[in-house]
Amino acid sequence: MKEKTVAMRKLLTGVTIVTAKVDEKVNGFTVAWITPVSHDPPLVGVAVHPKRYTLELIRKSGSFCVNILKEGEEGIELARHFGLKSGRNLDKFEGHLWAEGHTGSPVMKDAVAYLDCKFYSSCDAGDHIMVFGEVVDHGKRGDDDLLVYRSTDYWG
């Protein structure tokens, strides 16, 4: 890791799975670089590497869903599953329950909360692309704490 980015690991962020759907193809990937951006309209920003398959689906569908994971081993395992495999040739959702949200994007049953978003805009941001979405629907399931990103949970 570059010396300049070591301190960035100390930033506290939640772990989410960002999902999208085009026709019958669904995919999602694990994201720890997400932030609220605006209250009016309600916007969130997600940092996406340009090679991510889900970015293709977001661009084609014009929507995505941020699924907020709950604290604990179950959340960590979901994050690993959706973050360490490619969905180009693999159905990451096999064995995982989900329903179509307001936008058609997958809302995961295991999420503690979700933000269903309509694509708003995007811009280049270093080696990532910032994708901004307007929250058009949301929900919360219980009072579980959210999964906080710790690189040691994934990279040792």
N, C-alpha and C. Protein backbone atom coordinates (compact mmCIF):
# COMPACT_ATOMS: atom_id res chain seq x y z
N MET A 1 0.84 -1.17 0.00
CA MET A 1 0.00 0.00 0.00
C MET A 1 0.89 1.24 0.00
N LYS A 2 0.43 2.24 -0.68
CA LYS A 2 1.20 3.48 -0.73
C LYS A 2 1.27 4.11 0.65
N GLU A 3 2.44 4.60 1.00
CA GLU A 3 2.67 5.24 2.30
C GLU A 3 1.65 6.33 2.59
N LYS A 4 1.27 7.10 1.57
CA LYS A 4 0.35 8.23 1.75
C LYS A 4 -1.06 7.79 2.14
N THR A 5 -1.44 6.55 1.86
CA THR A 5 -2.81 6.13 2.12
C THR A 5 -2.98 5.30 3.38
N VAL A 6 -1.91 5.04 4.10
CA VAL A 6 -2.00 4.21 5.31
C VAL A 6 -2.95 4.83 6.33
N ALA A 7 -2.86 6.13 6.55
CA ALA A 7 -3.71 6.79 7.54
C ALA A 7 -5.18 6.75 7.13
N MET A 8 -5.47 6.63 5.82
CA MET A 8 -6.86 6.56 5.37
C MET A 8 -7.58 5.33 5.91
N ARG A 9 -6.82 4.30 6.27
CA ARG A 9 -7.43 3.10 6.84
C ARG A 9 -8.08 3.38 8.19
N LYS A 10 -7.75 4.49 8.79
CA LYS A 10 -8.32 4.86 10.10
C LYS A 10 -9.66 5.57 9.97
N LEU A 11 -10.07 5.91 8.74
CA LEU A 11 -11.37 6.53 8.56
C LEU A 11 -12.46 5.49 8.82
N LEU A 12 -13.44 5.86 9.59
CA LEU A 12 -14.52 4.95 9.94
C LEU A 12 -15.60 4.98 8.87
N THR A 13 -15.87 3.83 8.25
CA THR A 13 -16.91 3.73 7.25
C THR A 13 -17.70 2.45 7.46
N GLY A 14 -18.95 2.47 7.03
CA GLY A 14 -19.77 1.28 7.06
C GLY A 14 -19.54 0.43 5.83
N VAL A 15 -19.90 -0.83 5.92
CA VAL A 15 -19.75 -1.75 4.80
C VAL A 15 -21.12 -1.99 4.18
N THR A 16 -21.18 -1.85 2.87
CA THR A 16 -22.44 -2.01 2.15
C THR A 16 -22.22 -2.91 0.94
N ILE A 17 -23.32 -3.39 0.40
CA ILE A 17 -23.30 -4.07 -0.89
C ILE A 17 -24.16 -3.23 -1.82
N VAL A 18 -23.54 -2.73 -2.88
CA VAL A 18 -24.25 -1.94 -3.87
C VAL A 18 -24.70 -2.89 -4.98
N THR A 19 -25.99 -2.85 -5.30
CA THR A 19 -26.57 -3.78 -6.24
C THR A 19 -27.22 -3.04 -7.42
N ALA A 20 -27.34 -3.75 -8.53
CA ALA A 20 -28.03 -3.22 -9.70
C ALA A 20 -28.59 -4.38 -10.51
N LYS A 21 -29.58 -4.07 -11.34
CA LYS A 21 -30.24 -5.10 -12.16
C LYS A 21 -30.55 -4.54 -13.53
N VAL A 22 -30.21 -5.32 -14.55
CA VAL A 22 -30.59 -5.02 -15.93
C VAL A 22 -31.20 -6.29 -16.51
N ASP A 23 -32.45 -6.19 -16.95
CA ASP A 23 -33.18 -7.35 -17.43
C ASP A 23 -33.15 -8.43 -16.35
N GLU A 24 -32.61 -9.61 -16.66
CA GLU A 24 -32.55 -10.68 -15.67
C GLU A 24 -31.20 -10.78 -14.96
N LYS A 25 -30.26 -9.92 -15.32
CA LYS A 25 -28.92 -9.97 -14.74
C LYS A 25 -28.86 -9.08 -13.50
N VAL A 26 -28.51 -9.68 -12.36
CA VAL A 26 -28.33 -8.93 -11.12
C VAL A 26 -26.89 -9.10 -10.66
N ASN A 27 -26.38 -8.08 -10.02
CA ASN A 27 -25.04 -8.16 -9.48
C ASN A 27 -24.92 -7.17 -8.33
N GLY A 28 -23.88 -7.39 -7.56
CA GLY A 28 -23.60 -6.49 -6.45
C GLY A 28 -22.14 -6.62 -6.07
N PHE A 29 -21.63 -5.59 -5.41
CA PHE A 29 -20.25 -5.63 -4.95
C PHE A 29 -20.15 -4.89 -3.62
N THR A 30 -19.16 -5.28 -2.85
CA THR A 30 -18.95 -4.71 -1.53
C THR A 30 -18.29 -3.35 -1.64
N VAL A 31 -18.81 -2.41 -0.87
CA VAL A 31 -18.32 -1.02 -0.90
C VAL A 31 -18.13 -0.54 0.53
N ALA A 32 -16.99 0.07 0.79
CA ALA A 32 -16.76 0.74 2.08
C ALA A 32 -16.57 2.25 1.88
N TRP A 33 -16.45 2.67 0.62
CA TRP A 33 -16.27 4.09 0.32
C TRP A 33 -17.59 4.66 -0.16
N ILE A 34 -18.42 5.05 0.79
CA ILE A 34 -19.74 5.61 0.50
C ILE A 34 -19.99 6.74 1.49
N THR A 35 -20.71 7.76 1.05
CA THR A 35 -20.95 8.90 1.93
C THR A 35 -22.25 9.61 1.58
N PRO A 36 -22.93 10.15 2.59
CA PRO A 36 -24.04 11.05 2.29
C PRO A 36 -23.47 12.30 1.62
N VAL A 37 -24.21 12.89 0.69
CA VAL A 37 -23.71 14.03 -0.05
C VAL A 37 -24.61 15.25 0.10
N SER A 38 -25.93 15.05 0.13
CA SER A 38 -26.86 16.17 0.12
C SER A 38 -28.16 15.77 0.82
N HIS A 39 -28.79 16.76 1.48
CA HIS A 39 -30.11 16.53 2.08
C HIS A 39 -31.23 16.82 1.08
N ASP A 40 -31.02 17.82 0.21
CA ASP A 40 -32.08 18.24 -0.71
C ASP A 40 -31.51 18.49 -2.09
N PRO A 41 -31.60 17.54 -3.01
CA PRO A 41 -32.25 16.25 -2.84
C PRO A 41 -31.37 15.31 -2.02
N PRO A 42 -31.96 14.24 -1.48
CA PRO A 42 -31.16 13.28 -0.70
C PRO A 42 -30.24 12.48 -1.62
N LEU A 43 -28.93 12.73 -1.51
CA LEU A 43 -27.95 12.08 -2.38
C LEU A 43 -26.91 11.32 -1.58
N VAL A 44 -26.47 10.20 -2.13
CA VAL A 44 -25.31 9.47 -1.60
C VAL A 44 -24.29 9.35 -2.72
N GLY A 45 -23.02 9.25 -2.33
CA GLY A 45 -21.94 9.06 -3.28
C GLY A 45 -21.24 7.75 -2.99
N VAL A 46 -20.96 6.99 -4.04
CA VAL A 46 -20.31 5.69 -3.94
C VAL A 46 -19.08 5.70 -4.84
N ALA A 47 -17.92 5.33 -4.28
CA ALA A 47 -16.69 5.22 -5.08
C ALA A 47 -16.63 3.83 -5.69
N VAL A 48 -16.54 3.79 -7.02
CA VAL A 48 -16.57 2.53 -7.76
C VAL A 48 -15.35 2.45 -8.68
N HIS A 49 -14.63 1.34 -8.61
CA HIS A 49 -13.52 1.16 -9.55
C HIS A 49 -14.12 0.97 -10.95
N PRO A 50 -13.54 1.60 -11.96
CA PRO A 50 -14.13 1.55 -13.31
C PRO A 50 -14.26 0.15 -13.91
N LYS A 51 -13.52 -0.83 -13.40
CA LYS A 51 -13.60 -2.19 -13.95
C LYS A 51 -14.71 -3.03 -13.32
N ARG A 52 -15.40 -2.51 -12.34
CA ARG A 52 -16.46 -3.28 -11.66
C ARG A 52 -17.64 -3.51 -12.60
N TYR A 53 -18.08 -4.75 -12.67
CA TYR A 53 -19.21 -5.12 -13.51
C TYR A 53 -20.48 -4.40 -13.09
N THR A 54 -20.67 -4.20 -11.80
CA THR A 54 -21.87 -3.53 -11.33
C THR A 54 -21.96 -2.10 -11.87
N LEU A 55 -20.84 -1.45 -12.11
CA LEU A 55 -20.86 -0.10 -12.69
C LEU A 55 -21.54 -0.13 -14.06
N GLU A 56 -21.25 -1.16 -14.85
CA GLU A 56 -21.92 -1.33 -16.15
C GLU A 56 -23.43 -1.40 -15.97
N LEU A 57 -23.86 -2.19 -14.98
CA LEU A 57 -25.28 -2.37 -14.75
C LEU A 57 -25.93 -1.08 -14.24
N ILE A 58 -25.23 -0.34 -13.39
CA ILE A 58 -25.75 0.93 -12.91
C ILE A 58 -25.96 1.88 -14.08
N ARG A 59 -24.98 1.96 -14.95
CA ARG A 59 -25.08 2.86 -16.11
C ARG A 59 -26.23 2.46 -17.03
N LYS A 60 -26.42 1.15 -17.24
CA LYS A 60 -27.49 0.69 -18.14
C LYS A 60 -28.87 0.85 -17.51
N SER A 61 -28.97 0.58 -16.19
CA SER A 61 -30.28 0.61 -15.54
C SER A 61 -30.67 2.00 -15.05
N GLY A 62 -29.67 2.84 -14.76
CA GLY A 62 -29.96 4.16 -14.22
C GLY A 62 -30.34 4.14 -12.75
N SER A 63 -29.97 3.05 -12.06
CA SER A 63 -30.32 2.96 -10.64
C SER A 63 -29.39 1.99 -9.93
N PHE A 64 -29.42 2.04 -8.60
CA PHE A 64 -28.68 1.11 -7.76
C PHE A 64 -29.26 1.14 -6.37
N CYS A 65 -28.92 0.13 -5.58
CA CYS A 65 -29.37 0.07 -4.19
C CYS A 65 -28.16 -0.14 -3.28
N VAL A 66 -28.12 0.64 -2.22
CA VAL A 66 -27.08 0.50 -1.20
C VAL A 66 -27.67 -0.34 -0.08
N ASN A 67 -27.15 -1.55 0.10
CA ASN A 67 -27.61 -2.47 1.14
C ASN A 67 -26.62 -2.40 2.30
N ILE A 68 -27.06 -1.91 3.44
CA ILE A 68 -26.20 -1.70 4.59
C ILE A 68 -26.15 -2.99 5.41
N LEU A 69 -24.93 -3.49 5.63
CA LEU A 69 -24.76 -4.77 6.31
C LEU A 69 -24.73 -4.61 7.82
N LYS A 70 -25.18 -5.67 8.50
CA LYS A 70 -25.17 -5.64 9.96
C LYS A 70 -23.87 -6.18 10.52
N GLU A 71 -23.56 -5.71 11.70
CA GLU A 71 -22.34 -6.09 12.40
C GLU A 71 -22.34 -7.59 12.68
N GLY A 72 -21.15 -8.18 12.66
CA GLY A 72 -21.01 -9.58 13.03
C GLY A 72 -20.49 -10.43 11.88
N GLU A 73 -20.26 -11.69 12.18
CA GLU A 73 -19.67 -12.61 11.22
C GLU A 73 -20.52 -12.79 9.97
N GLU A 74 -21.85 -12.78 10.12
CA GLU A 74 -22.73 -12.93 8.96
C GLU A 74 -22.51 -11.77 7.97
N GLY A 75 -22.42 -10.55 8.48
CA GLY A 75 -22.16 -9.39 7.63
C GLY A 75 -20.80 -9.46 6.98
N ILE A 76 -19.80 -9.88 7.73
CA ILE A 76 -18.44 -10.00 7.18
C ILE A 76 -18.41 -11.04 6.06
N GLU A 77 -19.08 -12.17 6.26
CA GLU A 77 -19.10 -13.21 5.23
C GLU A 77 -19.81 -12.72 3.96
N LEU A 78 -20.92 -11.98 4.11
CA LEU A 78 -21.59 -11.41 2.94
C LEU A 78 -20.66 -10.44 2.21
N ALA A 79 -19.98 -9.59 2.98
CA ALA A 79 -19.04 -8.62 2.39
C ALA A 79 -17.93 -9.34 1.65
N ARG A 80 -17.40 -10.39 2.21
CA ARG A 80 -16.35 -11.16 1.54
C ARG A 80 -16.87 -11.78 0.25
N HIS A 81 -18.05 -12.39 0.34
CA HIS A 81 -18.64 -13.06 -0.82
C HIS A 81 -18.84 -12.08 -1.98
N PHE A 82 -19.44 -10.94 -1.71
CA PHE A 82 -19.74 -9.98 -2.77
C PHE A 82 -18.53 -9.13 -3.15
N GLY A 83 -17.49 -9.15 -2.32
CA GLY A 83 -16.34 -8.31 -2.61
C GLY A 83 -15.15 -9.01 -3.21
N LEU A 84 -15.06 -10.31 -3.04
CA LEU A 84 -13.86 -11.01 -3.47
C LEU A 84 -14.08 -11.89 -4.70
N LYS A 85 -15.26 -11.79 -5.32
CA LYS A 85 -15.58 -12.57 -6.52
C LYS A 85 -16.15 -11.64 -7.58
N SER A 86 -15.97 -11.99 -8.83
CA SER A 86 -16.55 -11.20 -9.92
C SER A 86 -17.90 -11.76 -10.31
N GLY A 87 -18.83 -10.88 -10.60
CA GLY A 87 -20.16 -11.29 -11.02
C GLY A 87 -20.33 -11.40 -12.52
N ARG A 88 -19.27 -11.17 -13.27
CA ARG A 88 -19.38 -11.26 -14.74
C ARG A 88 -19.78 -12.66 -15.18
N ASN A 89 -19.21 -13.68 -14.53
CA ASN A 89 -19.48 -15.06 -14.93
C ASN A 89 -20.00 -15.91 -13.78
N LEU A 90 -20.43 -15.27 -12.71
CA LEU A 90 -20.88 -15.98 -11.52
C LEU A 90 -22.12 -15.28 -10.98
N ASP A 91 -23.10 -16.05 -10.59
CA ASP A 91 -24.30 -15.49 -9.96
C ASP A 91 -24.04 -15.34 -8.47
N LYS A 92 -23.62 -14.15 -8.05
CA LYS A 92 -23.32 -13.91 -6.64
C LYS A 92 -24.56 -14.02 -5.76
N PHE A 93 -25.75 -13.89 -6.35
CA PHE A 93 -26.98 -13.92 -5.58
C PHE A 93 -27.52 -15.33 -5.34
N GLU A 94 -26.91 -16.33 -5.95
CA GLU A 94 -27.37 -17.70 -5.74
C GLU A 94 -27.32 -18.02 -4.25
N GLY A 95 -28.46 -18.40 -3.71
CA GLY A 95 -28.55 -18.73 -2.28
C GLY A 95 -28.79 -17.52 -1.38
N HIS A 96 -28.90 -16.33 -1.95
CA HIS A 96 -29.14 -15.11 -1.16
C HIS A 96 -30.49 -14.52 -1.56
N LEU A 97 -31.33 -14.26 -0.56
CA LEU A 97 -32.67 -13.74 -0.82
C LEU A 97 -32.64 -12.23 -1.06
N TRP A 98 -33.44 -11.80 -2.03
CA TRP A 98 -33.56 -10.39 -2.34
C TRP A 98 -34.90 -10.15 -3.00
N ALA A 99 -35.30 -8.88 -3.04
CA ALA A 99 -36.52 -8.47 -3.72
C ALA A 99 -36.21 -7.22 -4.52
N GLU A 100 -36.98 -6.99 -5.56
CA GLU A 100 -36.79 -5.77 -6.34
C GLU A 100 -37.25 -4.57 -5.53
N GLY A 101 -36.40 -3.55 -5.50
CA GLY A 101 -36.78 -2.31 -4.84
C GLY A 101 -37.60 -1.44 -5.78
N HIS A 102 -37.89 -0.25 -5.34
CA HIS A 102 -38.67 0.72 -6.11
C HIS A 102 -38.08 0.94 -7.49
N THR A 103 -36.75 0.97 -7.60
CA THR A 103 -36.07 1.21 -8.88
C THR A 103 -35.86 -0.05 -9.68
N GLY A 104 -36.13 -1.21 -9.09
CA GLY A 104 -35.85 -2.49 -9.73
C GLY A 104 -34.54 -3.09 -9.26
N SER A 105 -33.74 -2.32 -8.55
CA SER A 105 -32.46 -2.82 -8.02
C SER A 105 -32.72 -3.80 -6.88
N PRO A 106 -31.82 -4.78 -6.70
CA PRO A 106 -31.99 -5.75 -5.63
C PRO A 106 -31.85 -5.15 -4.23
N VAL A 107 -32.84 -5.42 -3.40
CA VAL A 107 -32.80 -5.09 -1.98
C VAL A 107 -32.58 -6.42 -1.26
N MET A 108 -31.46 -6.54 -0.58
CA MET A 108 -31.09 -7.80 0.05
C MET A 108 -31.83 -8.01 1.37
N LYS A 109 -32.35 -9.21 1.55
CA LYS A 109 -33.09 -9.53 2.78
C LYS A 109 -32.19 -9.50 4.01
N ASP A 110 -30.89 -9.72 3.84
CA ASP A 110 -29.95 -9.73 4.97
C ASP A 110 -29.44 -8.34 5.34
N ALA A 111 -29.85 -7.31 4.61
CA ALA A 111 -29.39 -5.95 4.91
C ALA A 111 -30.13 -5.41 6.13
N VAL A 112 -29.41 -4.67 6.97
CA VAL A 112 -30.03 -4.05 8.14
C VAL A 112 -30.83 -2.82 7.72
N ALA A 113 -30.45 -2.22 6.59
CA ALA A 113 -31.16 -1.08 6.01
C ALA A 113 -30.75 -0.97 4.55
N TYR A 114 -31.52 -0.17 3.79
CA TYR A 114 -31.17 0.01 2.39
C TYR A 114 -31.55 1.42 1.92
N LEU A 115 -30.86 1.86 0.87
CA LEU A 115 -31.13 3.13 0.20
C LEU A 115 -31.27 2.80 -1.29
N ASP A 116 -32.47 2.88 -1.81
CA ASP A 116 -32.72 2.60 -3.22
C ASP A 116 -32.57 3.91 -3.98
N CYS A 117 -31.68 3.93 -4.97
CA CYS A 117 -31.27 5.19 -5.59
C CYS A 117 -31.47 5.22 -7.10
N LYS A 118 -31.85 6.37 -7.57
CA LYS A 118 -31.89 6.68 -8.99
C LYS A 118 -30.58 7.37 -9.32
N PHE A 119 -29.91 6.95 -10.40
CA PHE A 119 -28.66 7.58 -10.80
C PHE A 119 -28.85 9.08 -10.94
N TYR A 120 -27.92 9.84 -10.38
CA TYR A 120 -27.99 11.30 -10.40
C TYR A 120 -26.88 11.89 -11.27
N SER A 121 -25.64 11.49 -11.01
CA SER A 121 -24.50 11.95 -11.80
C SER A 121 -23.28 11.12 -11.42
N SER A 122 -22.17 11.37 -12.12
CA SER A 122 -20.91 10.71 -11.78
C SER A 122 -19.76 11.61 -12.21
N CYS A 123 -18.59 11.34 -11.64
CA CYS A 123 -17.39 12.07 -12.03
C CYS A 123 -16.17 11.22 -11.71
N ASP A 124 -15.09 11.47 -12.43
CA ASP A 124 -13.83 10.79 -12.15
C ASP A 124 -13.30 11.24 -10.80
N ALA A 125 -12.72 10.30 -10.07
CA ALA A 125 -12.13 10.59 -8.76
C ALA A 125 -10.90 9.71 -8.60
N GLY A 126 -9.77 10.17 -9.13
CA GLY A 126 -8.54 9.38 -9.05
C GLY A 126 -8.70 8.08 -9.79
N ASP A 127 -8.41 6.95 -9.11
CA ASP A 127 -8.53 5.65 -9.76
C ASP A 127 -9.94 5.06 -9.63
N HIS A 128 -10.89 5.84 -9.15
CA HIS A 128 -12.28 5.42 -9.02
C HIS A 128 -13.19 6.41 -9.75
N ILE A 129 -14.46 6.05 -9.82
CA ILE A 129 -15.50 6.94 -10.32
C ILE A 129 -16.48 7.14 -9.18
N MET A 130 -16.83 8.39 -8.89
CA MET A 130 -17.85 8.67 -7.89
C MET A 130 -19.20 8.64 -8.59
N VAL A 131 -20.05 7.75 -8.12
CA VAL A 131 -21.41 7.63 -8.65
C VAL A 131 -22.33 8.21 -7.58
N PHE A 132 -23.15 9.16 -7.99
CA PHE A 132 -24.09 9.79 -7.07
C PHE A 132 -25.50 9.32 -7.38
N GLY A 133 -26.23 8.99 -6.33
CA GLY A 133 -27.59 8.53 -6.50
C GLY A 133 -28.54 9.31 -5.62
N GLU A 134 -29.72 9.58 -6.18
CA GLU A 134 -30.77 10.22 -5.39
C GLU A 134 -31.60 9.13 -4.72
N VAL A 135 -31.71 9.20 -3.41
CA VAL A 135 -32.45 8.20 -2.66
C VAL A 135 -33.94 8.40 -2.93
N VAL A 136 -34.57 7.38 -3.54
CA VAL A 136 -36.00 7.47 -3.85
C VAL A 136 -36.83 6.56 -2.95
N ASP A 137 -36.16 5.65 -2.25
CA ASP A 137 -36.84 4.78 -1.29
C ASP A 137 -35.80 4.29 -0.30
N HIS A 138 -36.24 3.93 0.87
CA HIS A 138 -35.31 3.43 1.90
C HIS A 138 -36.10 2.56 2.88
N GLY A 139 -35.37 1.81 3.66
CA GLY A 139 -36.00 0.97 4.66
C GLY A 139 -34.99 0.51 5.69
N LYS A 140 -35.53 0.11 6.83
CA LYS A 140 -34.70 -0.35 7.94
C LYS A 140 -35.33 -1.63 8.49
N ARG A 141 -34.49 -2.59 8.81
CA ARG A 141 -34.96 -3.86 9.37
C ARG A 141 -34.30 -4.07 10.72
N GLY A 142 -34.95 -3.74 11.77
CA GLY A 142 -34.40 -3.95 13.11
C GLY A 142 -33.43 -2.86 13.53
N ASP A 143 -32.82 -3.10 14.68
CA ASP A 143 -31.92 -2.11 15.26
C ASP A 143 -30.48 -2.60 15.35
N ASP A 144 -30.11 -3.57 14.52
CA ASP A 144 -28.73 -4.07 14.52
C ASP A 144 -27.77 -2.94 14.18
N ASP A 145 -26.58 -3.00 14.75
CA ASP A 145 -25.53 -2.05 14.39
C ASP A 145 -25.01 -2.38 13.00
N LEU A 146 -24.49 -1.36 12.32
CA LEU A 146 -23.95 -1.59 10.99
C LEU A 146 -22.54 -2.14 11.08
N LEU A 147 -22.16 -2.86 10.05
CA LEU A 147 -20.83 -3.42 9.96
C LEU A 147 -19.85 -2.30 9.62
N VAL A 148 -18.84 -2.14 10.46
CA VAL A 148 -17.83 -1.11 10.25
C VAL A 148 -16.64 -1.74 9.53
N TYR A 149 -16.10 -1.01 8.56
CA TYR A 149 -14.99 -1.54 7.78
C TYR A 149 -13.70 -1.55 8.58
N ARG A 150 -13.10 -2.74 8.65
CA ARG A 150 -11.75 -2.94 9.20
C ARG A 150 -11.03 -3.82 8.19
N SER A 151 -9.96 -3.33 7.62
CA SER A 151 -9.28 -4.08 6.57
C SER A 151 -8.84 -5.46 7.05
N THR A 152 -8.55 -5.61 8.34
CA THR A 152 -8.11 -6.89 8.86
C THR A 152 -9.19 -7.96 8.78
N ASP A 153 -10.47 -7.58 8.67
CA ASP A 153 -11.54 -8.54 8.50
C ASP A 153 -11.48 -9.22 7.14
N TYR A 154 -10.79 -8.59 6.20
CA TYR A 154 -10.76 -9.10 4.83
C TYR A 154 -9.37 -9.45 4.34
N TRP A 155 -8.39 -8.71 4.78
CA TRP A 155 -7.03 -8.85 4.25
C TRP A 155 -6.02 -9.34 5.27
N GLY A 156 -6.47 -9.72 6.47
CA GLY A 156 -5.56 -10.26 7.49
C GLY A 156 -4.77 -9.24 8.26
